[in-house]
Amino acid sequence: SGIDAESVARMRLQNKFKTGLDIAKYTAAI
């Protein structure tokens, strides 16, 4: 109950790429 859903969502959106491979795949497409 002490965990706020909007705070979690904010942190998730602030950390859009979880790994370097996520970055490599995203940027290769660009």
All heavy atoms as atom14 arrays in JSON, in Angstrom:
{
  "sequence": "SGIDAESVARMRLQNKFKTGLDIAKYTAAI",
  "atom14_mask": [
    [1, 1, 1, 1, 1, 1, 0, 0, 0, 0, 0, 0, 0, 0],
    [1, 1, 1, 1, 0, 0, 0, 0, 0, 0, 0, 0, 0, 0],
    [1, 1, 1, 1, 1, 1, 1, 1, 0, 0, 0, 0, 0, 0],
    [1, 1, 1, 1, 1, 1, 1, 1, 0, 0, 0, 0, 0, 0],
    [1, 1, 1, 1, 1, 0, 0, 0, 0, 0, 0, 0, 0, 0],
    [1, 1, 1, 1, 1, 1, 1, 1, 1, 0, 0, 0, 0, 0],
    [1, 1, 1, 1, 1, 1, 0, 0, 0, 0, 0, 0, 0, 0],
    [1, 1, 1, 1, 1, 1, 1, 0, 0, 0, 0, 0, 0, 0],
    [1, 1, 1, 1, 1, 0, 0, 0, 0, 0, 0, 0, 0, 0],
    [1, 1, 1, 1, 1, 1, 1, 1, 1, 1, 1, 0, 0, 0],
    [1, 1, 1, 1, 1, 1, 1, 1, 0, 0, 0, 0, 0, 0],
    [1, 1, 1, 1, 1, 1, 1, 1, 1, 1, 1, 0, 0, 0],
    [1, 1, 1, 1, 1, 1, 1, 1, 0, 0, 0, 0, 0, 0],
    [1, 1, 1, 1, 1, 1, 1, 1, 1, 0, 0, 0, 0, 0],
    [1, 1, 1, 1, 1, 1, 1, 1, 0, 0, 0, 0, 0, 0],
    [1, 1, 1, 1, 1, 1, 1, 1, 1, 0, 0, 0, 0, 0],
    [1, 1, 1, 1, 1, 1, 1, 1, 1, 1, 1, 0, 0, 0],
    [1, 1, 1, 1, 1, 1, 1, 1, 1, 0, 0, 0, 0, 0],
    [1, 1, 1, 1, 1, 1, 1, 0, 0, 0, 0, 0, 0, 0],
    [1, 1, 1, 1, 0, 0, 0, 0, 0, 0, 0, 0, 0, 0],
    [1, 1, 1, 1, 1, 1, 1, 1, 0, 0, 0, 0, 0, 0],
    [1, 1, 1, 1, 1, 1, 1, 1, 0, 0, 0, 0, 0, 0],
    [1, 1, 1, 1, 1, 1, 1, 1, 0, 0, 0, 0, 0, 0],
    [1, 1, 1, 1, 1, 0, 0, 0, 0, 0, 0, 0, 0, 0],
    [1, 1, 1, 1, 1, 1, 1, 1, 1, 0, 0, 0, 0, 0],
    [1, 1, 1, 1, 1, 1, 1, 1, 1, 1, 1, 1, 0, 0],
    [1, 1, 1, 1, 1, 1, 1, 0, 0, 0, 0, 0, 0, 0],
    [1, 1, 1, 1, 1, 0, 0, 0, 0, 0, 0, 0, 0, 0],
    [1, 1, 1, 1, 1, 0, 0, 0, 0, 0, 0, 0, 0, 0],
    [1, 1, 1, 1, 1, 1, 1, 1, 0, 0, 0, 0, 0, 0]
  ],
  "atom14_positions": [
    [[0.81, -1.22, 0.0], [0.0, 0.0, 0.0], [0.85, 1.27, 0.0], [0.36, 2.35, -0.36], [-0.93, 0.0, 1.22], [-0.17, -0.03, 2.42], [0.0, 0.0, 0.0], [0.0, 0.0, 0.0], [0.0, 0.0, 0.0], [0.0, 0.0, 0.0], [0.0, 0.0, 0.0], [0.0, 0.0, 0.0], [0.0, 0.0, 0.0], [0.0, 0.0, 0.0]],
    [[2.1, 1.17, 0.4], [2.96, 2.34, 0.41], [3.6, 2.66, -0.93], [4.33, 3.65, -1.06], [0.0, 0.0, 0.0], [0.0, 0.0, 0.0], [0.0, 0.0, 0.0], [0.0, 0.0, 0.0], [0.0, 0.0, 0.0], [0.0, 0.0, 0.0], [0.0, 0.0, 0.0], [0.0, 0.0, 0.0], [0.0, 0.0, 0.0], [0.0, 0.0, 0.0]],
    [[3.31, 1.83, -1.93], [3.87, 2.04, -3.27], [2.85, 2.78, -4.12], [1.72, 2.31, -4.3], [4.25, 0.7, -3.94], [5.17, -0.12, -3.03], [4.89, 0.95, -5.3], [6.49, 0.54, -2.72], [0.0, 0.0, 0.0], [0.0, 0.0, 0.0], [0.0, 0.0, 0.0], [0.0, 0.0, 0.0], [0.0, 0.0, 0.0], [0.0, 0.0, 0.0]],
    [[3.24, 3.93, -4.64], [2.33, 4.77, -5.43], [2.46, 4.44, -6.91], [3.55, 4.47, -7.48], [2.66, 6.24, -5.19], [1.81, 7.16, -6.04], [0.6, 7.23, -5.8], [2.37, 7.79, -6.96], [0.0, 0.0, 0.0], [0.0, 0.0, 0.0], [0.0, 0.0, 0.0], [0.0, 0.0, 0.0], [0.0, 0.0, 0.0], [0.0, 0.0, 0.0]],
    [[1.34, 4.14, -7.54], [1.35, 3.7, -8.94], [1.89, 4.78, -9.88], [2.65, 4.48, -10.81], [-0.06, 3.3, -9.37], [0.0, 0.0, 0.0], [0.0, 0.0, 0.0], [0.0, 0.0, 0.0], [0.0, 0.0, 0.0], [0.0, 0.0, 0.0], [0.0, 0.0, 0.0], [0.0, 0.0, 0.0], [0.0, 0.0, 0.0], [0.0, 0.0, 0.0]],
    [[1.51, 6.03, -9.64], [1.99, 7.08, -10.55], [3.5, 7.28, -10.4], [4.19, 7.54, -11.39], [1.26, 8.4, -10.31], [1.65, 9.47, -11.32], [0.7, 10.64, -11.36], [-0.17, 10.76, -10.46], [0.81, 11.47, -12.29], [0.0, 0.0, 0.0], [0.0, 0.0, 0.0], [0.0, 0.0, 0.0], [0.0, 0.0, 0.0], [0.0, 0.0, 0.0]],
    [[4.01, 7.13, -9.19], [5.45, 7.26, -9.0], [6.19, 6.14, -9.73], [7.24, 6.37, -10.34], [5.79, 7.22, -7.51], [5.2, 8.3, -6.83], [0.0, 0.0, 0.0], [0.0, 0.0, 0.0], [0.0, 0.0, 0.0], [0.0, 0.0, 0.0], [0.0, 0.0, 0.0], [0.0, 0.0, 0.0], [0.0, 0.0, 0.0], [0.0, 0.0, 0.0]],
    [[5.65, 4.93, -9.69], [6.25, 3.81, -10.42], [6.24, 4.1, -11.92], [7.23, 3.9, -12.63], [5.5, 2.5, -10.13], [5.97, 1.38, -11.06], [5.68, 2.09, -8.67], [0.0, 0.0, 0.0], [0.0, 0.0, 0.0], [0.0, 0.0, 0.0], [0.0, 0.0, 0.0], [0.0, 0.0, 0.0], [0.0, 0.0, 0.0], [0.0, 0.0, 0.0]],
    [[5.1, 4.59, -12.42], [4.98, 4.9, -13.85], [6.0, 5.96, -14.25], [6.62, 5.87, -15.32], [3.57, 5.37, -14.17], [0.0, 0.0, 0.0], [0.0, 0.0, 0.0], [0.0, 0.0, 0.0], [0.0, 0.0, 0.0], [0.0, 0.0, 0.0], [0.0, 0.0, 0.0], [0.0, 0.0, 0.0], [0.0, 0.0, 0.0], [0.0, 0.0, 0.0]],
    [[6.18, 6.93, -13.39], [7.15, 7.98, -13.71], [8.57, 7.42, -13.79], [9.33, 7.74, -14.7], [7.07, 9.09, -12.65], [5.8, 9.91, -12.75], [5.74, 11.02, -11.7], [4.58, 11.88, -11.92], [4.33, 13.0, -11.27], [5.19, 13.43, -10.34], [3.24, 13.71, -11.54], [0.0, 0.0, 0.0], [0.0, 0.0, 0.0], [0.0, 0.0, 0.0]],
    [[8.92, 6.59, -12.84], [10.26, 5.99, -12.85], [10.46, 5.11, -14.08], [11.53, 5.11, -14.69], [10.49, 5.2, -11.57], [10.53, 6.07, -10.32], [10.65, 5.12, -8.79], [12.39, 4.67, -8.83], [0.0, 0.0, 0.0], [0.0, 0.0, 0.0], [0.0, 0.0, 0.0], [0.0, 0.0, 0.0], [0.0, 0.0, 0.0], [0.0, 0.0, 0.0]],
    [[9.42, 4.39, -14.45], [9.53, 3.52, -15.63], [9.75, 4.35, -16.9], [10.57, 3.99, -17.75], [8.28, 2.65, -15.76], [8.22, 1.5, -14.78], [6.94, 0.69, -14.93], [6.98, -0.52, -14.13], [5.96, -1.37, -13.98], [4.8, -1.11, -14.6], [6.09, -2.46, -13.24], [0.0, 0.0, 0.0], [0.0, 0.0, 0.0], [0.0, 0.0, 0.0]],
    [[9.0, 5.43, -17.04], [9.15, 6.26, -18.23], [10.49, 6.99, -18.23], [11.02, 7.34, -19.29], [8.01, 7.27, -18.31], [6.61, 6.67, -18.59], [5.56, 7.76, -18.59], [6.59, 5.91, -19.91], [0.0, 0.0, 0.0], [0.0, 0.0, 0.0], [0.0, 0.0, 0.0], [0.0, 0.0, 0.0], [0.0, 0.0, 0.0], [0.0, 0.0, 0.0]],
    [[11.05, 7.22, -17.05], [12.37, 7.85, -16.97], [13.49, 6.87, -17.29], [14.63, 7.28, -17.46], [12.59, 8.44, -15.57], [11.82, 9.72, -15.32], [11.98, 10.22, -13.9], [11.64, 9.52, -12.95], [12.51, 11.42, -13.75], [0.0, 0.0, 0.0], [0.0, 0.0, 0.0], [0.0, 0.0, 0.0], [0.0, 0.0, 0.0], [0.0, 0.0, 0.0]],
    [[13.17, 5.6, -17.36], [14.16, 4.56, -17.65], [13.64, 3.73, -18.82], [13.32, 2.55, -18.69], [14.4, 3.69, -16.41], [15.48, 2.66, -16.63], [16.38, 2.84, -17.45], [15.41, 1.56, -15.91], [0.0, 0.0, 0.0], [0.0, 0.0, 0.0], [0.0, 0.0, 0.0], [0.0, 0.0, 0.0], [0.0, 0.0, 0.0], [0.0, 0.0, 0.0]],
    [[13.57, 4.36, -19.99], [12.92, 3.74, -21.14], [13.71, 2.56, -21.7], [13.15, 1.68, -22.34], [12.73, 4.78, -22.24], [11.84, 5.94, -21.83], [11.88, 7.06, -22.87], [11.06, 8.25, -22.41], [11.15, 9.37, -23.35], [0.0, 0.0, 0.0], [0.0, 0.0, 0.0], [0.0, 0.0, 0.0], [0.0, 0.0, 0.0], [0.0, 0.0, 0.0]],
    [[15.01, 2.56, -21.51], [15.87, 1.51, -22.06], [16.45, 0.71, -20.9], [17.18, 1.25, -20.07], [16.99, 2.11, -22.89], [16.51, 2.93, -24.05], [16.38, 4.31, -23.93], [16.19, 2.33, -25.26], [15.95, 5.08, -25.0], [15.74, 3.09, -26.33], [15.62, 4.47, -26.2], [0.0, 0.0, 0.0], [0.0, 0.0, 0.0], [0.0, 0.0, 0.0]],
    [[16.13, -0.55, -20.85], [16.58, -1.38, -19.72], [17.98, -1.91, -19.92], [18.7, -2.18, -18.95], [15.6, -2.54, -19.51], [14.15, -2.11, -19.3], [14.0, -1.18, -18.1], [12.56, -0.81, -17.82], [12.02, 0.21, -18.74], [0.0, 0.0, 0.0], [0.0, 0.0, 0.0], [0.0, 0.0, 0.0], [0.0, 0.0, 0.0], [0.0, 0.0, 0.0]],
    [[18.4, -2.11, -21.17], [19.72, -2.67, -21.45], [20.34, -1.97, -22.65], [19.66, -1.3, -23.43], [19.65, -4.18, -21.75], [19.01, -4.36, -23.04], [18.89, -4.95, -20.68], [0.0, 0.0, 0.0], [0.0, 0.0, 0.0], [0.0, 0.0, 0.0], [0.0, 0.0, 0.0], [0.0, 0.0, 0.0], [0.0, 0.0, 0.0], [0.0, 0.0, 0.0]],
    [[21.66, -2.18, -22.81], [22.33, -1.67, -23.99], [21.8, -2.28, -25.27], [21.75, -1.61, -26.31], [0.0, 0.0, 0.0], [0.0, 0.0, 0.0], [0.0, 0.0, 0.0], [0.0, 0.0, 0.0], [0.0, 0.0, 0.0], [0.0, 0.0, 0.0], [0.0, 0.0, 0.0], [0.0, 0.0, 0.0], [0.0, 0.0, 0.0], [0.0, 0.0, 0.0]],
    [[21.39, -3.54, -25.21], [20.83, -4.18, -26.4], [19.52, -3.52, -26.82], [19.23, -3.41, -28.02], [20.61, -5.68, -26.16], [21.85, -6.56, -26.28], [21.49, -8.01, -25.99], [22.48, -6.45, -27.68], [0.0, 0.0, 0.0], [0.0, 0.0, 0.0], [0.0, 0.0, 0.0], [0.0, 0.0, 0.0], [0.0, 0.0, 0.0], [0.0, 0.0, 0.0]],
    [[18.72, -3.09, -25.85], [17.5, -2.34, -26.19], [17.87, -1.09, -26.98], [17.2, -0.73, -27.95], [16.76, -1.93, -24.91], [16.17, -3.1, -24.16], [15.92, -4.14, -24.79], [15.96, -2.98, -22.94], [0.0, 0.0, 0.0], [0.0, 0.0, 0.0], [0.0, 0.0, 0.0], [0.0, 0.0, 0.0], [0.0, 0.0, 0.0], [0.0, 0.0, 0.0]],
    [[18.94, -0.43, -26.55], [19.39, 0.79, -27.24], [19.87, 0.45, -28.64], [19.53, 1.13, -29.61], [20.5, 1.47, -26.42], [19.94, 2.03, -25.12], [21.16, 2.59, -27.23], [20.98, 2.55, -24.15], [0.0, 0.0, 0.0], [0.0, 0.0, 0.0], [0.0, 0.0, 0.0], [0.0, 0.0, 0.0], [0.0, 0.0, 0.0], [0.0, 0.0, 0.0]],
    [[20.69, -0.6, -28.77], [21.23, -0.97, -30.07], [20.11, -1.3, -31.06], [20.17, -0.89, -32.23], [22.18, -2.15, -29.93], [0.0, 0.0, 0.0], [0.0, 0.0, 0.0], [0.0, 0.0, 0.0], [0.0, 0.0, 0.0], [0.0, 0.0, 0.0], [0.0, 0.0, 0.0], [0.0, 0.0, 0.0], [0.0, 0.0, 0.0], [0.0, 0.0, 0.0]],
    [[19.09, -2.02, -30.62], [17.99, -2.38, -31.5], [17.18, -1.14, -31.9], [16.82, -0.97, -33.08], [17.08, -3.4, -30.81], [17.74, -4.76, -30.61], [16.86, -5.7, -29.78], [17.55, -7.02, -29.54], [16.76, -7.94, -28.69], [0.0, 0.0, 0.0], [0.0, 0.0, 0.0], [0.0, 0.0, 0.0], [0.0, 0.0, 0.0], [0.0, 0.0, 0.0]],
    [[16.92, -0.28, -30.94], [16.15, 0.93, -31.21], [16.89, 1.86, -32.17], [16.32, 2.36, -33.15], [15.85, 1.64, -29.89], [15.26, 3.01, -30.04], [13.94, 3.18, -30.46], [16.01, 4.14, -29.73], [13.39, 4.45, -30.59], [15.46, 5.42, -29.85], [14.16, 5.56, -30.29], [13.62, 6.82, -30.42], [0.0, 0.0, 0.0], [0.0, 0.0, 0.0]],
    [[18.16, 2.08, -31.92], [18.92, 3.03, -32.73], [19.26, 2.47, -34.11], [19.39, 3.23, -35.08], [20.19, 3.49, -32.0], [20.95, 2.34, -31.6], [19.83, 4.3, -30.76], [0.0, 0.0, 0.0], [0.0, 0.0, 0.0], [0.0, 0.0, 0.0], [0.0, 0.0, 0.0], [0.0, 0.0, 0.0], [0.0, 0.0, 0.0], [0.0, 0.0, 0.0]],
    [[19.43, 1.15, -34.21], [19.68, 0.56, -35.53], [18.49, 0.82, -36.46], [18.68, 1.14, -37.64], [19.93, -0.95, -35.41], [0.0, 0.0, 0.0], [0.0, 0.0, 0.0], [0.0, 0.0, 0.0], [0.0, 0.0, 0.0], [0.0, 0.0, 0.0], [0.0, 0.0, 0.0], [0.0, 0.0, 0.0], [0.0, 0.0, 0.0], [0.0, 0.0, 0.0]],
    [[17.27, 0.71, -35.93], [16.08, 0.97, -36.73], [16.04, 2.43, -37.17], [15.68, 2.75, -38.32], [14.82, 0.62, -35.94], [0.0, 0.0, 0.0], [0.0, 0.0, 0.0], [0.0, 0.0, 0.0], [0.0, 0.0, 0.0], [0.0, 0.0, 0.0], [0.0, 0.0, 0.0], [0.0, 0.0, 0.0], [0.0, 0.0, 0.0], [0.0, 0.0, 0.0]],
    [[16.45, 3.34, -36.28], [16.5, 4.76, -36.63], [17.49, 4.98, -37.76], [17.21, 5.67, -38.75], [16.9, 5.6, -35.4], [15.76, 5.64, -34.39], [17.28, 7.02, -35.82], [16.13, 6.3, -33.09], [0.0, 0.0, 0.0], [0.0, 0.0, 0.0], [0.0, 0.0, 0.0], [0.0, 0.0, 0.0], [0.0, 0.0, 0.0], [0.0, 0.0, 0.0]]
  ]
}
